[in-house]
N, C-alpha and C. Protein backbone atom coordinates (compact mmCIF):
# COMPACT_ATOMS: atom_id res chain seq x y z
N MET A 1 -18.85 3.65 37.47
CA MET A 1 -19.34 3.17 36.28
C MET A 1 -19.21 4.75 35.81
N ASP A 2 -19.56 5.53 36.26
CA ASP A 2 -19.67 7.00 35.74
C ASP A 2 -17.95 6.97 35.40
N GLN A 3 -17.13 6.84 37.13
CA GLN A 3 -15.85 7.27 37.33
C GLN A 3 -15.43 6.61 35.81
N ILE A 4 -15.36 5.10 35.30
CA ILE A 4 -14.93 4.46 34.39
C ILE A 4 -15.43 5.30 33.19
N ILE A 5 -16.20 5.16 32.72
CA ILE A 5 -16.20 5.82 31.76
C ILE A 5 -15.65 7.04 31.03
N ALA A 6 -15.69 7.81 32.61
CA ALA A 6 -14.79 9.93 32.13
C ALA A 6 -13.53 9.42 32.43
N GLU A 7 -13.00 8.51 33.48
CA GLU A 7 -11.51 8.14 32.85
C GLU A 7 -11.33 7.50 31.50
N ILE A 8 -11.99 6.96 30.79
CA ILE A 8 -11.57 5.90 29.50
C ILE A 8 -11.86 7.06 28.49
N LEU A 9 -13.03 8.09 28.97
CA LEU A 9 -12.43 8.97 28.06
C LEU A 9 -11.52 10.42 28.03
N THR A 10 -11.69 10.71 29.07
CA THR A 10 -10.39 11.85 29.51
C THR A 10 -8.93 11.30 28.91
N TYR A 11 -8.88 9.65 27.93
CA TYR A 11 -8.14 8.55 28.00
C TYR A 11 -7.85 9.20 26.21
N ALA A 12 -8.59 8.87 25.77
CA ALA A 12 -9.38 9.38 24.19
C ALA A 12 -9.03 10.71 24.27
N SER A 13 -9.10 11.51 24.63
CA SER A 13 -9.43 12.93 24.61
C SER A 13 -7.61 13.34 24.18
N ALA A 14 -6.43 13.18 25.64
CA ALA A 14 -5.65 12.99 25.89
C ALA A 14 -4.62 12.31 24.46
N HIS A 15 -5.38 10.89 23.88
CA HIS A 15 -5.04 10.21 22.59
C HIS A 15 -5.22 10.49 21.47
N GLN A 16 -5.92 10.85 21.53
CA GLN A 16 -6.68 11.17 20.38
C GLN A 16 -5.87 10.46 18.80
N LEU A 17 -5.14 10.49 18.66
CA LEU A 17 -3.67 10.16 17.25
C LEU A 17 -3.48 8.40 17.61
N GLU A 18 -3.58 8.21 18.61
CA GLU A 18 -3.29 6.52 19.02
C GLU A 18 -4.56 6.37 18.72
N ALA A 19 -5.22 6.42 18.72
CA ALA A 19 -7.33 6.11 18.82
C ALA A 19 -7.19 6.00 16.98
N ILE A 20 -7.21 7.18 16.79
CA ILE A 20 -7.27 6.75 14.86
C ILE A 20 -6.99 6.26 13.89
N GLY A 21 -4.87 5.65 14.81
CA GLY A 21 -4.25 4.62 14.17
C GLY A 21 -4.71 2.95 14.64
N ALA A 22 -5.57 2.85 16.31
CA ALA A 22 -6.05 1.88 15.99
C ALA A 22 -7.05 1.51 16.00
N ILE A 23 -8.59 2.84 15.41
CA ILE A 23 -8.97 2.20 14.27
C ILE A 23 -8.87 2.09 12.67
N ALA A 24 -7.42 2.90 12.19
CA ALA A 24 -7.24 2.71 11.33
C ALA A 24 -6.63 1.56 11.13
N GLY A 25 -6.08 0.50 12.16
CA GLY A 25 -5.41 -0.48 11.72
C GLY A 25 -6.58 -1.86 12.04
N LEU A 26 -7.71 -1.78 12.78
CA LEU A 26 -8.67 -2.47 12.82
C LEU A 26 -9.59 -2.79 11.36
N LEU A 27 -9.64 -1.24 10.40
CA LEU A 27 -10.62 -1.57 9.15
C LEU A 27 -9.04 -2.02 8.26
N CYS A 28 -8.62 -1.89 8.19
CA CYS A 28 -6.68 -2.26 7.67
C CYS A 28 -7.53 -3.61 7.95
N VAL A 29 -7.30 -4.15 8.91
CA VAL A 29 -7.25 -5.98 8.57
C VAL A 29 -8.70 -6.59 8.74
N TRP A 30 -9.59 -5.85 8.67
CA TRP A 30 -11.10 -6.55 8.54
C TRP A 30 -11.43 -6.68 6.77
N MET A 31 -10.89 -5.35 6.73
CA MET A 31 -10.40 -5.67 4.82
C MET A 31 -9.60 -6.53 3.93
N LEU A 32 -8.04 -7.27 4.69
CA LEU A 32 -7.23 -7.88 4.40
C LEU A 32 -7.81 -9.62 4.88
N MET A 33 -9.14 -9.69 5.39
CA MET A 33 -9.48 -10.84 5.66
C MET A 33 -10.53 -11.34 4.99
N ARG A 34 -10.91 -10.24 4.25
CA ARG A 34 -12.09 -10.22 2.72
C ARG A 34 -11.77 -9.81 1.73
N GLN A 35 -10.39 -9.95 1.66
CA GLN A 35 -9.86 -9.62 0.14
C GLN A 35 -9.44 -8.32 -0.71
N LEU A 36 -9.94 -7.28 0.05
CA LEU A 36 -10.32 -5.80 -0.39
C LEU A 36 -9.61 -4.34 -0.36
N ILE A 37 -8.91 -4.82 -2.09
CA ILE A 37 -8.32 -3.95 -2.30
C ILE A 37 -8.00 -2.77 -1.36
N TRP A 38 -8.90 -2.49 -0.24
CA TRP A 38 -8.87 -0.72 -0.02
C TRP A 38 -8.08 -1.12 1.29
N THR A 39 -7.76 -2.33 1.10
CA THR A 39 -6.83 -2.83 3.10
C THR A 39 -5.33 -1.81 3.05
N TRP A 40 -4.53 -1.88 1.75
CA TRP A 40 -3.29 -1.40 1.21
C TRP A 40 -3.40 -0.12 1.64
N PRO A 41 -4.63 0.95 0.78
CA PRO A 41 -4.13 2.46 1.68
C PRO A 41 -4.79 3.09 2.79
N LEU A 42 -5.33 2.30 3.59
CA LEU A 42 -5.73 2.22 4.65
C LEU A 42 -4.35 1.65 5.88
N GLY A 43 -4.71 0.88 5.33
CA GLY A 43 -2.83 0.44 6.06
C GLY A 43 -0.88 1.32 5.82
N VAL A 44 -1.54 1.96 4.90
CA VAL A 44 -0.33 3.21 4.76
C VAL A 44 -0.85 4.09 5.46
N THR A 45 -2.16 4.45 5.81
CA THR A 45 -2.01 5.32 7.22
C THR A 45 -1.81 4.53 8.36
N TYR A 46 -2.39 3.86 8.95
CA TYR A 46 -2.14 3.17 10.24
C TYR A 46 -0.66 3.10 9.84
N ALA A 47 -0.30 3.08 9.10
CA ALA A 47 2.01 2.80 9.53
C ALA A 47 2.73 4.03 9.55
N VAL A 48 1.65 4.74 8.26
CA VAL A 48 2.32 6.71 8.92
C VAL A 48 2.16 7.01 10.52
N ILE A 49 1.00 6.81 11.12
CA ILE A 49 0.52 6.85 12.83
C ILE A 49 1.39 6.33 13.31
N SER A 50 1.42 5.38 13.03
CA SER A 50 2.22 4.30 14.01
C SER A 50 4.11 4.45 14.15
N VAL A 51 3.99 4.99 13.54
CA VAL A 51 5.15 5.83 12.39
C VAL A 51 6.03 6.40 14.27
N TYR A 52 5.05 7.77 13.53
CA TYR A 52 5.30 8.44 15.25
C TYR A 52 4.71 8.48 16.27
N LEU A 53 3.66 7.30 16.41
CA LEU A 53 3.34 7.10 18.62
C LEU A 53 4.64 6.12 18.57
N PHE A 54 5.62 5.91 17.95
CA PHE A 54 6.19 4.36 18.37
C PHE A 54 7.91 5.34 18.54
N VAL A 55 7.94 6.33 17.66
CA VAL A 55 8.78 7.36 18.32
C VAL A 55 8.82 8.09 19.23
N ASP A 56 7.79 7.98 19.67
CA ASP A 56 7.38 8.89 20.98
C ASP A 56 7.53 7.92 22.27
N ALA A 57 7.14 6.79 21.63
CA ALA A 57 7.60 5.63 23.19
C ALA A 57 9.09 4.45 22.70
N ARG A 58 9.70 5.62 22.07
CA ARG A 58 11.18 5.01 22.39
C ARG A 58 11.20 3.32 21.81
N LEU A 59 10.46 3.09 21.21
CA LEU A 59 10.57 1.35 20.06
C LEU A 59 11.11 1.67 18.39
N TYR A 60 12.41 1.26 18.65
CA TYR A 60 13.01 2.17 17.11
C TYR A 60 12.64 1.06 16.95
N GLY A 61 12.70 0.11 17.08
CA GLY A 61 12.07 -1.27 16.51
C GLY A 61 11.27 -1.13 15.70
N GLN A 62 10.18 -0.67 16.52
CA GLN A 62 8.86 -1.06 15.80
C GLN A 62 8.69 0.32 14.72
N VAL A 63 9.50 1.87 14.91
CA VAL A 63 9.73 2.62 13.92
C VAL A 63 10.42 1.70 12.95
N LEU A 64 11.23 1.25 12.60
CA LEU A 64 11.86 0.55 11.69
C LEU A 64 10.77 -0.07 10.63
N LEU A 65 10.24 -0.79 12.13
CA LEU A 65 9.39 -1.91 11.36
C LEU A 65 8.36 -1.30 11.05
N HIS A 66 7.45 0.09 11.27
CA HIS A 66 6.43 0.87 10.60
C HIS A 66 6.80 1.81 9.12
N VAL A 67 7.82 1.70 9.00
CA VAL A 67 8.51 2.74 8.32
C VAL A 67 8.27 1.45 6.79
N TYR A 68 9.09 0.26 7.05
CA TYR A 68 8.73 -0.54 6.65
C TYR A 68 6.90 -1.23 5.69
N PHE A 69 6.34 -1.25 6.65
CA PHE A 69 5.36 -1.51 6.35
C PHE A 69 4.45 -0.28 5.36
N VAL A 70 4.47 0.65 5.65
CA VAL A 70 4.89 2.03 4.72
C VAL A 70 4.64 1.20 3.27
N VAL A 71 5.93 1.31 3.06
CA VAL A 71 6.56 1.06 1.83
C VAL A 71 5.74 -0.76 1.42
N MET A 72 5.50 -1.30 2.47
CA MET A 72 5.05 -3.11 1.85
C MET A 72 3.64 -3.20 1.20
N ASN A 73 3.35 -1.73 2.18
CA ASN A 73 1.60 -1.78 2.55
C ASN A 73 0.92 -1.22 0.41
N LEU A 74 2.76 -0.22 0.00
CA LEU A 74 1.88 0.36 -1.22
C LEU A 74 2.42 -0.70 -1.80
N TYR A 75 3.13 -1.88 -2.09
CA TYR A 75 3.90 -3.12 -2.71
C TYR A 75 3.00 -3.67 -3.02
N GLY A 76 2.05 -3.99 -1.49
CA GLY A 76 0.87 -4.97 -1.53
C GLY A 76 -0.19 -4.26 -2.81
N TRP A 77 -0.83 -2.94 -2.83
CA TRP A 77 -1.90 -2.73 -3.37
C TRP A 77 -1.52 -2.61 -5.02
N TYR A 78 0.06 -2.27 -5.02
CA TYR A 78 0.33 -2.60 -6.59
C TYR A 78 0.61 -4.09 -6.69
N HIS A 79 0.75 -5.09 -5.89
CA HIS A 79 1.01 -6.49 -6.30
C HIS A 79 -0.91 -7.25 -6.48
N TRP A 80 -1.51 -6.75 -5.57
CA TRP A 80 -2.09 -7.38 -5.23
C TRP A 80 -3.98 -6.93 -6.36
N ILE A 81 -3.00 -5.57 -7.59
CA ILE A 81 -3.65 -5.03 -8.24
C ILE A 81 -3.50 -5.67 -9.78
N PHE A 82 -1.44 -5.38 -10.37
CA PHE A 82 -1.19 -6.01 -10.80
C PHE A 82 -0.34 -7.93 -11.44
N GLY A 83 -0.11 -8.62 -10.32
CA GLY A 83 -0.12 -9.70 -9.54
C GLY A 83 -0.49 -10.27 -10.25
N ARG A 84 -2.11 -10.62 -10.53
CA ARG A 84 -3.64 -11.21 -11.02
C ARG A 84 -2.64 -12.23 -12.31
N GLY A 85 -3.55 -13.11 -12.04
CA GLY A 85 -3.01 -13.86 -13.55
C GLY A 85 -4.10 -13.49 -14.89
N ALA A 86 -4.31 -13.67 -16.19
CA ALA A 86 -4.86 -13.40 -17.41
C ALA A 86 -6.07 -13.51 -16.78
N GLY A 87 -6.96 -13.23 -16.65
CA GLY A 87 -8.57 -13.18 -16.97
C GLY A 87 -9.07 -13.66 -14.99
N GLU A 88 -8.47 -13.49 -13.94
CA GLU A 88 -8.44 -13.34 -13.27
C GLU A 88 -8.91 -11.87 -12.20
N GLU A 89 -10.07 -11.86 -11.63
CA GLU A 89 -10.19 -10.52 -10.72
C GLU A 89 -9.96 -10.57 -10.02
N ARG A 90 -9.33 -11.09 -9.06
CA ARG A 90 -8.45 -10.84 -8.01
C ARG A 90 -7.54 -12.50 -7.57
N LEU A 91 -6.08 -11.70 -7.67
CA LEU A 91 -4.31 -12.18 -7.16
C LEU A 91 -5.49 -13.92 -6.19
N LEU A 92 -5.25 -14.95 -6.42
CA LEU A 92 -5.59 -15.89 -5.79
C LEU A 92 -4.50 -16.13 -4.25
N VAL A 93 -5.77 -16.61 -3.66
CA VAL A 93 -4.34 -17.02 -2.27
C VAL A 93 -3.18 -17.91 -3.13
N THR A 94 -2.44 -18.32 -2.21
CA THR A 94 -1.46 -19.23 -2.04
C THR A 94 -0.38 -19.50 -1.24
N MET A 95 0.35 -21.01 -1.05
CA MET A 95 0.83 -21.12 -0.22
C MET A 95 2.12 -21.51 -0.68
N THR A 96 2.80 -20.90 0.45
CA THR A 96 4.43 -20.77 0.78
C THR A 96 5.12 -21.82 0.54
N SER A 97 5.86 -22.58 -0.11
CA SER A 97 6.51 -23.17 -0.24
C SER A 97 7.79 -23.87 1.04
N MET A 98 7.77 -25.09 1.79
CA MET A 98 8.80 -24.96 2.69
C MET A 98 9.81 -24.42 3.01
N LYS A 99 10.60 -24.12 1.49
CA LYS A 99 11.92 -23.96 1.33
C LYS A 99 12.14 -22.32 1.43
N VAL A 100 10.96 -21.89 1.12
CA VAL A 100 10.99 -19.86 1.37
C VAL A 100 10.61 -19.65 3.06
N MET A 101 10.05 -20.65 3.44
CA MET A 101 9.12 -20.79 4.60
C MET A 101 10.66 -20.53 5.92
N SER A 102 11.73 -21.73 5.02
CA SER A 102 12.38 -21.68 5.67
C SER A 102 13.82 -20.64 6.18
N VAL A 103 13.65 -20.19 4.76
CA VAL A 103 14.77 -19.25 4.80
C VAL A 103 13.75 -17.88 5.44
N VAL A 104 12.35 -17.42 5.19
CA VAL A 104 12.31 -16.33 6.19
C VAL A 104 12.26 -17.06 7.45
N LEU A 105 12.03 -17.65 7.68
CA LEU A 105 11.86 -17.75 9.58
C LEU A 105 14.32 -17.93 10.13
N GLY A 106 14.94 -18.49 9.26
CA GLY A 106 15.93 -18.74 9.55
C GLY A 106 15.97 -16.75 9.44
N LEU A 107 16.53 -16.45 8.27
CA LEU A 107 16.79 -15.09 8.44
C LEU A 107 16.30 -14.17 9.81
N SER A 108 15.03 -14.61 10.02
CA SER A 108 14.24 -13.80 11.31
C SER A 108 15.00 -14.44 12.12
N THR A 109 15.73 -15.47 12.24
CA THR A 109 16.21 -15.85 13.50
C THR A 109 18.00 -14.67 13.82
N VAL A 110 18.39 -14.49 12.56
CA VAL A 110 19.81 -14.34 12.82
C VAL A 110 19.08 -12.49 13.02
N GLY A 111 18.77 -11.68 12.17
CA GLY A 111 17.96 -10.58 12.35
C GLY A 111 17.64 -10.05 14.22
N VAL A 112 16.82 -11.07 14.38
CA VAL A 112 16.28 -10.61 15.76
C VAL A 112 18.11 -10.64 16.98
N ILE A 113 18.74 -11.60 16.29
CA ILE A 113 20.11 -12.02 17.21
C ILE A 113 21.19 -10.41 17.41
N VAL A 114 21.35 -10.25 15.90
CA VAL A 114 21.58 -9.06 15.46
C VAL A 114 20.65 -7.87 16.06
N LEU A 115 20.37 -7.66 15.43
CA LEU A 115 19.70 -5.98 15.81
C LEU A 115 19.13 -5.84 17.22
N ALA A 116 18.50 -6.24 17.89
CA ALA A 116 18.90 -7.10 19.17
C ALA A 116 19.12 -6.48 20.33
N THR A 117 20.60 -7.39 20.07
CA THR A 117 22.04 -6.48 20.41
C THR A 117 22.47 -5.37 19.95
N LEU A 118 22.45 -4.54 19.25
CA LEU A 118 22.50 -3.55 18.97
C LEU A 118 21.46 -2.67 19.01
N PHE A 119 20.82 -2.55 19.32
CA PHE A 119 19.75 -1.48 19.96
C PHE A 119 19.90 -1.37 21.18
N ASP A 120 20.07 -2.53 21.85
CA ASP A 120 20.58 -2.97 23.20
C ASP A 120 21.66 -2.03 23.43
N ALA A 121 22.61 -2.30 22.82
CA ALA A 121 24.49 -2.01 23.26
C ALA A 121 24.32 -0.19 22.96
N PHE A 122 23.51 -0.12 21.74
CA PHE A 122 24.02 1.60 21.41
C PHE A 122 22.44 2.61 21.38
N THR A 123 21.34 2.38 21.82
CA THR A 123 20.36 3.01 22.24
C THR A 123 19.79 2.86 23.25
N ASP A 124 18.87 3.66 23.89
CA ASP A 124 17.84 4.04 24.68
C ASP A 124 16.74 2.73 24.52
N ALA A 125 16.35 2.30 23.71
CA ALA A 125 15.35 1.91 23.09
C ALA A 125 14.47 1.28 24.63
N ASP A 126 13.81 1.14 24.89
CA ASP A 126 12.91 -0.26 25.47
C ASP A 126 12.81 -1.51 25.37
N LEU A 127 12.34 -2.39 25.70
CA LEU A 127 12.37 -3.63 24.92
C LEU A 127 12.74 -4.13 24.04
N PRO A 128 14.78 -3.83 23.89
CA PRO A 128 15.19 -4.43 22.87
C PRO A 128 14.68 -6.42 22.35
N TYR A 129 14.98 -6.69 23.02
CA TYR A 129 14.82 -8.44 22.63
C TYR A 129 13.45 -7.99 22.20
N LEU A 130 12.30 -8.18 22.96
CA LEU A 130 10.88 -8.33 22.44
C LEU A 130 10.52 -7.87 21.35
N ASP A 131 10.65 -6.15 21.24
CA ASP A 131 11.18 -5.43 20.16
C ASP A 131 11.28 -5.93 18.90
N MET A 132 12.47 -6.16 19.03
CA MET A 132 12.66 -6.59 17.85
C MET A 132 12.18 -8.16 16.92
N SER A 133 12.38 -8.74 18.69
CA SER A 133 11.57 -9.69 17.66
C SER A 133 10.43 -10.07 17.07
N ILE A 134 9.46 -9.20 17.45
CA ILE A 134 8.02 -8.94 16.88
C ILE A 134 8.54 -8.07 15.64
N ALA A 135 9.29 -6.84 15.79
CA ALA A 135 9.76 -6.66 13.85
C ALA A 135 9.86 -7.62 13.55
N VAL A 136 10.85 -8.74 13.65
CA VAL A 136 11.82 -8.94 12.45
C VAL A 136 10.85 -10.21 12.17
N LEU A 137 10.85 -10.36 13.14
CA LEU A 137 8.92 -11.37 12.85
C LEU A 137 8.04 -10.82 11.89
N SER A 138 7.73 -9.80 12.02
CA SER A 138 6.75 -8.84 11.15
C SER A 138 7.28 -8.40 10.13
N VAL A 139 8.22 -8.79 9.48
CA VAL A 139 9.16 -7.86 8.41
C VAL A 139 8.52 -9.67 7.14
N GLY A 140 8.96 -10.37 7.90
CA GLY A 140 8.40 -11.82 6.53
C GLY A 140 6.61 -11.49 7.17
N ALA A 141 6.17 -11.70 7.84
CA ALA A 141 4.37 -11.92 7.37
C ALA A 141 3.81 -10.45 6.74
N MET A 142 4.46 -9.29 7.09
CA MET A 142 4.01 -8.76 5.76
C MET A 142 4.47 -9.07 4.27
N TRP A 143 5.28 -9.29 4.08
CA TRP A 143 5.85 -10.32 3.22
C TRP A 143 5.40 -10.76 2.28
N LEU A 144 4.60 -11.94 3.24
CA LEU A 144 4.04 -12.82 3.02
C LEU A 144 2.50 -12.50 3.07
N THR A 145 1.41 -11.88 3.61
CA THR A 145 0.50 -10.53 3.23
C THR A 145 0.28 -10.02 1.89
N ALA A 146 1.41 -9.31 1.69
CA ALA A 146 1.73 -8.42 0.39
C ALA A 146 1.59 -9.89 -0.49
N ARG A 147 2.11 -10.68 -1.15
CA ARG A 147 2.06 -12.03 -1.94
C ARG A 147 0.97 -12.31 -1.69
N LYS A 148 -0.14 -12.56 -0.46
CA LYS A 148 -1.64 -13.20 -0.51
C LYS A 148 -0.91 -14.38 -0.49
N LYS A 149 -0.34 -14.99 0.77
CA LYS A 149 0.20 -16.15 0.66
C LYS A 149 -0.62 -16.44 2.41
N LEU A 150 -1.53 -18.14 2.33
CA LEU A 150 -1.87 -18.41 3.66
C LEU A 150 -1.37 -18.47 5.29
N GLU A 151 -0.33 -18.57 4.96
CA GLU A 151 0.88 -18.90 5.67
C GLU A 151 1.42 -17.15 6.56
N SER A 152 0.60 -16.21 6.39
CA SER A 152 0.58 -14.90 7.42
C SER A 152 0.41 -14.88 8.02
N TRP A 153 -0.85 -15.26 8.03
CA TRP A 153 -2.63 -15.54 8.92
C TRP A 153 -1.60 -16.09 10.63
N VAL A 154 -1.08 -17.35 10.18
CA VAL A 154 -0.31 -17.68 11.00
C VAL A 154 0.77 -17.16 11.78
N LEU A 155 1.75 -16.67 11.20
CA LEU A 155 2.97 -15.40 11.99
C LEU A 155 2.14 -14.88 12.05
N TRP A 156 1.27 -13.96 11.78
CA TRP A 156 0.57 -12.67 12.50
C TRP A 156 -0.10 -12.78 14.24
N LEU A 157 -1.02 -14.22 13.83
CA LEU A 157 -1.59 -14.59 15.26
C LEU A 157 -0.14 -14.57 16.60
N VAL A 158 0.58 -15.53 16.18
CA VAL A 158 1.94 -15.44 17.16
C VAL A 158 2.56 -13.89 17.39
N ILE A 159 2.36 -12.91 16.03
CA ILE A 159 3.33 -11.69 16.75
C ILE A 159 1.72 -10.86 17.10
N ASP A 160 0.63 -11.71 17.13
CA ASP A 160 -0.49 -10.76 17.72
C ASP A 160 -1.17 -10.74 19.69
N VAL A 161 0.01 -11.94 19.87
CA VAL A 161 -0.29 -12.36 21.27
C VAL A 161 1.14 -11.40 22.04
N ALA A 162 1.69 -11.72 20.81
CA ALA A 162 3.26 -11.10 21.52
C ALA A 162 3.21 -9.55 21.77
N TYR A 163 2.38 -8.57 20.91
CA TYR A 163 2.15 -7.81 20.96
C TYR A 163 1.56 -7.21 22.49
N LEU A 164 0.53 -7.65 22.83
CA LEU A 164 0.08 -7.92 23.94
C LEU A 164 1.21 -7.41 25.26
N VAL A 165 1.75 -7.93 25.49
CA VAL A 165 3.37 -8.31 25.93
C VAL A 165 3.45 -6.60 26.02
N ILE A 166 4.04 -6.04 24.77
CA ILE A 166 4.67 -4.76 24.71
C ILE A 166 4.10 -3.68 24.79
N PHE A 167 2.33 -3.94 24.55
CA PHE A 167 2.07 -2.54 25.16
C PHE A 167 1.70 -2.78 25.94
N TYR A 168 1.02 -3.26 26.73
CA TYR A 168 0.98 -3.52 28.10
C TYR A 168 1.90 -2.89 28.83
N LEU A 169 2.97 -3.11 28.88
CA LEU A 169 3.84 -2.59 29.82
C LEU A 169 4.31 -2.04 29.00
N THR A 170 4.16 -0.68 27.79
CA THR A 170 4.38 0.46 27.46
C THR A 170 3.27 1.96 27.63
N LYS A 171 2.17 0.71 28.21
CA LYS A 171 0.31 1.83 28.51
C LYS A 171 0.12 2.56 27.24
N ASN A 172 0.09 1.07 25.82
CA ASN A 172 -0.45 2.00 24.68
C ASN A 172 -1.75 1.20 24.96
N TYR A 173 -2.24 2.16 25.52
CA TYR A 173 -3.77 0.88 25.63
C TYR A 173 -4.65 0.87 24.25
N PHE A 174 -4.38 2.00 23.36
CA PHE A 174 -5.77 1.55 21.94
C PHE A 174 -4.96 0.63 21.40
N TYR A 175 -3.83 0.46 21.70
CA TYR A 175 -3.52 -0.55 20.85
C TYR A 175 -3.71 -2.24 21.26
N LEU A 176 -3.28 -1.81 22.52
CA LEU A 176 -3.66 -3.17 23.10
C LEU A 176 -4.41 -3.61 22.87
N LEU A 177 -5.67 -3.11 22.73
CA LEU A 177 -7.52 -3.60 22.84
C LEU A 177 -7.18 -4.12 21.21
N LEU A 178 -6.91 -3.09 20.80
CA LEU A 178 -6.25 -3.20 18.71
C LEU A 178 -6.57 -4.69 18.79
N TYR A 179 -4.65 -5.06 19.44
CA TYR A 179 -4.23 -6.31 19.59
C TYR A 179 -5.32 -7.39 20.38
N LEU A 180 -5.93 -6.96 20.91
CA LEU A 180 -6.87 -7.97 21.28
C LEU A 180 -7.90 -8.49 20.15
N GLY A 181 -8.60 -7.74 19.88
CA GLY A 181 -9.17 -7.52 18.40
C GLY A 181 -8.58 -8.90 16.99
N TYR A 182 -6.96 -7.78 17.36
CA TYR A 182 -6.89 -8.69 16.05
C TYR A 182 -6.04 -10.17 16.74
N ILE A 183 -6.52 -10.73 16.82
CA ILE A 183 -5.98 -11.99 17.57
C ILE A 183 -7.17 -13.27 17.11
N PRO A 184 -8.55 -12.86 17.26
CA PRO A 184 -9.07 -13.92 16.29
C PRO A 184 -9.91 -13.20 15.59
N MET A 185 -9.53 -11.91 14.70
CA MET A 185 -8.97 -11.70 13.33
C MET A 185 -8.25 -12.76 12.28
N ALA A 186 -7.25 -12.92 13.12
CA ALA A 186 -6.34 -13.51 12.26
C ALA A 186 -6.74 -15.19 12.87
N VAL A 187 -7.63 -15.76 12.72
CA VAL A 187 -7.47 -17.00 13.59
C VAL A 187 -8.56 -17.12 12.01
N GLU A 188 -10.09 -16.28 12.38
CA GLU A 188 -11.08 -16.14 11.27
C GLU A 188 -10.80 -15.72 9.46
N GLY A 189 -9.68 -14.77 9.82
CA GLY A 189 -8.56 -14.58 8.19
C GLY A 189 -7.90 -15.94 7.79
N PHE A 190 -7.29 -16.49 9.16
CA PHE A 190 -6.27 -18.16 8.09
C PHE A 190 -7.97 -18.85 7.15
N PHE A 191 -8.79 -19.31 8.30
CA PHE A 191 -9.87 -19.87 7.54
C PHE A 191 -10.62 -19.48 6.87
N LEU A 192 -10.65 -18.42 6.21
CA LEU A 192 -11.46 -17.88 5.18
C LEU A 192 -10.80 -17.26 3.84
N TRP A 193 -9.13 -17.17 4.09
CA TRP A 193 -8.28 -17.08 2.40
C TRP A 193 -8.25 -18.88 2.56
N ARG A 194 -8.16 -19.54 3.70
CA ARG A 194 -7.95 -21.48 2.93
C ARG A 194 -8.94 -21.80 2.03
N ARG A 195 -10.58 -20.61 2.80
CA ARG A 195 -11.70 -21.63 1.96
C ARG A 195 -11.39 -21.25 0.36
N ASP A 196 -11.04 -19.76 0.45
CA ASP A 196 -10.53 -19.26 -1.59
C ASP A 196 -9.66 -20.50 -1.80
N LEU A 197 -8.66 -20.95 -0.85
CA LEU A 197 -7.51 -21.58 -1.51
C LEU A 197 -8.18 -22.58 -2.47
N VAL A 198 -8.88 -23.84 -1.04
CA VAL A 198 -9.25 -24.57 -2.05
C VAL A 198 -9.66 -24.63 -3.01
N LEU A 199 -10.82 -23.41 -2.70
CA LEU A 199 -11.73 -23.29 -4.16
C LEU A 199 -11.07 -23.42 -5.72
N THR A 200 -9.97 -22.71 -5.21
CA THR A 200 -8.72 -21.76 -6.59
C THR A 200 -7.66 -22.39 -5.48
N PRO A 201 -7.09 -23.64 -5.97
CA PRO A 201 -5.47 -23.88 -6.16
C PRO A 201 -4.77 -23.03 -7.13
N ALA A 202 -3.48 -22.88 -6.43
CA ALA A 202 -2.43 -22.28 -6.91
C ALA A 202 -1.21 -22.67 -7.19
N PRO A 203 -0.12 -22.88 -7.72
CA PRO A 203 1.08 -23.02 -7.34
C PRO A 203 1.58 -22.53 -5.76
N THR A 204 2.92 -22.97 -5.51
CA THR A 204 2.84 -23.15 -4.31
C THR A 204 3.76 -22.71 -4.22
N HIS A 205 4.61 -21.41 -5.05
CA HIS A 205 6.05 -20.91 -5.99
C HIS A 205 6.23 -19.84 -4.70
């Protein structure tokens, strides 16, 4: 047991930035589940740290994705504050129309095929097809989250499971543990948001 603890402490000492990113990401999702506005500035911190880590890991799809996350966290911060209706204390949880979801999934499919092929052919990226599948699907999930759509949690659950594979293969163990934690949080987040959806029904646009 002492040896295991020593190995964990040694790994943590050598990967401090990774640990900080994992903690920031965990707190970010915890706040998101509870619809706390501070999820967004914390999300910016997590995304910036992740950009650096993924450049080092040569996961270029994740680099692009987390640059996008920086922008979308800023947008989500703005929208959750200024997108509220008159008299509303906070932005309401709503659902996405089938038409919009079809567009999101259709564009995601095309994006995966095109980007994965390009990254596989012209870069030294590791796991380009898995990397791009997660990255492109996350683009749609992040947009839905910023708009406070219930379906975002379903996409995040799928993404979280896929991330376990990529972090195991790249030996990114702090983020592996982080995404193990994300899976039950995504389930709980869905039901917490659905409860608010039932209590405060809103348009489905």
